[in-house]
């Protein structure tokens, strides 16, 4: 199973877990499995049309999946995904 690393600001939605196992042959399937297991994450990751929000980045190893095949990027057992929501702020 692929492993998805959860950033600190979103861990309250996963019961404090910093990593979760997800099922799926693609990044899209893995993200869908994530929100089935942790439904409160859905509003933070996906828009009302069901697309990943533009400020949410998913990395497979060191590659942003947007630079690969997007949500259709294939996954293998043991792959590690990193979820990185962009954070804006400052003056």
C-alpha atoms as a PDB file:
ATOM      1  CA  UNK A   1       0.000   0.000   0.000  1.00  0.00           C
ATOM      2  CA  UNK A   2       1.178   3.540  -0.650  1.00  0.00           C
ATOM      3  CA  UNK A   3       1.831   5.720   2.397  1.00  0.00           C
ATOM      4  CA  UNK A   4       0.629   9.324   2.533  1.00  0.00           C
ATOM      5  CA  UNK A   5       2.381  11.744   4.876  1.00  0.00           C
ATOM      6  CA  UNK A   6      -0.003  14.213   6.519  1.00  0.00           C
ATOM      7  CA  UNK A   7       1.272  17.736   7.300  1.00  0.00           C
ATOM      8  CA  UNK A   8       0.894  19.038  10.843  1.00  0.00           C
ATOM      9  CA  UNK A   9      -1.969  21.478  10.066  1.00  0.00           C
ATOM     10  CA  UNK A  10      -4.139  18.594   8.800  1.00  0.00           C
ATOM     11  CA  UNK A  11      -3.322  15.942  11.409  1.00  0.00           C
ATOM     12  CA  UNK A  12      -6.280  16.876  13.579  1.00  0.00           C
ATOM     13  CA  UNK A  13      -8.462  15.410  10.798  1.00  0.00           C
ATOM     14  CA  UNK A  14      -6.573  12.088  10.872  1.00  0.00           C
ATOM     15  CA  UNK A  15      -6.685  11.591  14.612  1.00  0.00           C
ATOM     16  CA  UNK A  16      -3.149  12.952  14.961  1.00  0.00           C
ATOM     17  CA  UNK A  17      -1.619  10.452  12.537  1.00  0.00           C
ATOM     18  CA  UNK A  18       1.351  11.800  10.612  1.00  0.00           C
ATOM     19  CA  UNK A  19       1.206   8.987   8.045  1.00  0.00           C
ATOM     20  CA  UNK A  20      -1.668   6.901   6.746  1.00  0.00           C
ATOM     21  CA  UNK A  21      -1.831   3.926   4.409  1.00  0.00           C
ATOM     22  CA  UNK A  22      -3.993   4.491   1.354  1.00  0.00           C
ATOM     23  CA  UNK A  23      -5.263   2.184  -1.354  1.00  0.00           C
ATOM     24  CA  UNK A  24      -5.106   2.960  -5.023  1.00  0.00           C
ATOM     25  CA  UNK A  25      -3.260   2.338  -8.252  1.00  0.00           C
ATOM     26  CA  UNK A  26      -3.081   6.088  -8.966  1.00  0.00           C
ATOM     27  CA  UNK A  27      -2.660   9.263  -6.954  1.00  0.00           C
ATOM     28  CA  UNK A  28      -6.323  10.087  -7.580  1.00  0.00           C
ATOM     29  CA  UNK A  29      -7.479   6.740  -6.230  1.00  0.00           C
ATOM     30  CA  UNK A  30      -5.213   7.123  -3.190  1.00  0.00           C
ATOM     31  CA  UNK A  31      -6.580  10.608  -2.476  1.00  0.00           C
ATOM     32  CA  UNK A  32     -10.140   9.317  -2.834  1.00  0.00           C
ATOM     33  CA  UNK A  33      -9.361   6.515  -0.392  1.00  0.00           C
ATOM     34  CA  UNK A  34      -7.909   9.087   2.023  1.00  0.00           C
ATOM     35  CA  UNK A  35     -11.136  11.108   2.148  1.00  0.00           C
ATOM     36  CA  UNK A  36     -13.249   7.965   2.485  1.00  0.00           C
ATOM     37  CA  UNK A  37     -11.231   7.065   5.582  1.00  0.00           C
ATOM     38  CA  UNK A  38     -11.058  10.673   6.829  1.00  0.00           C
ATOM     39  CA  UNK A  39     -14.117  12.482   5.392  1.00  0.00           C
ATOM     40  CA  UNK A  40     -13.454  15.746   7.236  1.00  0.00           C
ATOM     41  CA  UNK A  41     -10.350  16.221   5.053  1.00  0.00           C
ATOM     42  CA  UNK A  42     -12.393  16.415   1.859  1.00  0.00           C
ATOM     43  CA  UNK A  43     -13.363  20.086   2.182  1.00  0.00           C
ATOM     44  CA  UNK A  44      -9.730  21.026   2.814  1.00  0.00           C
ATOM     45  CA  UNK A  45      -8.364  19.115  -0.188  1.00  0.00           C
ATOM     46  CA  UNK A  46     -11.071  19.127  -2.870  1.00  0.00           C
ATOM     47  CA  UNK A  47     -13.312  21.801  -4.372  1.00  0.00           C
ATOM     48  CA  UNK A  48     -17.065  21.416  -4.931  1.00  0.00           C
ATOM     49  CA  UNK A  49     -16.456  19.858  -8.374  1.00  0.00           C
ATOM     50  CA  UNK A  50     -14.328  17.130  -6.804  1.00  0.00           C
ATOM     51  CA  UNK A  51     -11.002  18.425  -8.147  1.00  0.00           C
ATOM     52  CA  UNK A  52      -7.960  18.868  -5.964  1.00  0.00           C
ATOM     53  CA  UNK A  53      -7.816  22.456  -4.763  1.00  0.00           C
ATOM     54  CA  UNK A  54      -5.154  24.503  -6.585  1.00  0.00           C
ATOM     55  CA  UNK A  55      -3.238  25.251  -3.386  1.00  0.00           C
ATOM     56  CA  UNK A  56      -2.876  21.559  -2.495  1.00  0.00           C
ATOM     57  CA  UNK A  57       0.255  19.840  -3.796  1.00  0.00           C
ATOM     58  CA  UNK A  58       0.932  16.135  -3.764  1.00  0.00           C
ATOM     59  CA  UNK A  59       4.468  14.866  -4.164  1.00  0.00           C
ATOM     60  CA  UNK A  60       5.575  11.362  -5.106  1.00  0.00           C
ATOM     61  CA  UNK A  61       9.097  11.079  -3.764  1.00  0.00           C
ATOM     62  CA  UNK A  62      10.602  14.437  -4.827  1.00  0.00           C
ATOM     63  CA  UNK A  63       8.279  15.075  -7.782  1.00  0.00           C
ATOM     64  CA  UNK A  64       5.124  17.167  -7.723  1.00  0.00           C
ATOM     65  CA  UNK A  65       2.492  14.938  -9.349  1.00  0.00           C
ATOM     66  CA  UNK A  66       1.378  18.007 -11.356  1.00  0.00           C
ATOM     67  CA  UNK A  67       4.705  17.616 -13.205  1.00  0.00           C
ATOM     68  CA  UNK A  68       4.068  13.899 -13.756  1.00  0.00           C
ATOM     69  CA  UNK A  69       0.638  12.598 -14.780  1.00  0.00           C
ATOM     70  CA  UNK A  70      -1.351  14.548 -12.220  1.00  0.00           C
ATOM     71  CA  UNK A  71      -3.997  12.533 -10.410  1.00  0.00           C
ATOM     72  CA  UNK A  72      -3.435   9.739 -12.969  1.00  0.00           C
ATOM     73  CA  UNK A  73       0.156   9.247 -11.792  1.00  0.00           C
ATOM     74  CA  UNK A  74       0.560   5.512 -11.158  1.00  0.00           C
ATOM     75  CA  UNK A  75       1.507   4.224  -7.716  1.00  0.00           C
ATOM     76  CA  UNK A  76       3.271   1.094  -6.574  1.00  0.00           C
ATOM     77  CA  UNK A  77       3.104  -0.699  -3.266  1.00  0.00           C
ATOM     78  CA  UNK A  78       5.310   1.130  -0.777  1.00  0.00           C
ATOM     79  CA  UNK A  79       5.330   4.472  -2.625  1.00  0.00           C
ATOM     80  CA  UNK A  80       5.404   7.482  -0.342  1.00  0.00           C
ATOM     81  CA  UNK A  81       3.217  10.486  -1.050  1.00  0.00           C
ATOM     82  CA  UNK A  82       3.616  13.832   0.647  1.00  0.00           C
ATOM     83  CA  UNK A  83       0.650  16.150   0.965  1.00  0.00           C
ATOM     84  CA  UNK A  84       1.629  19.831   1.046  1.00  0.00           C
ATOM     85  CA  UNK A  85      -1.045  22.524   1.259  1.00  0.00           C
ATOM     86  CA  UNK A  86       0.322  25.928   0.261  1.00  0.00           C
ATOM     87  CA  UNK A  87       0.314  28.454   3.048  1.00  0.00           C
ATOM     88  CA  UNK A  88      -0.093  32.131   2.307  1.00  0.00           C
ATOM     89  CA  UNK A  89       0.264  35.021   4.636  1.00  0.00           C
ATOM     90  CA  UNK A  90       2.515  37.758   5.769  1.00  0.00           C
ATOM     91  CA  UNK A  91       2.381  41.432   5.046  1.00  0.00           C
END
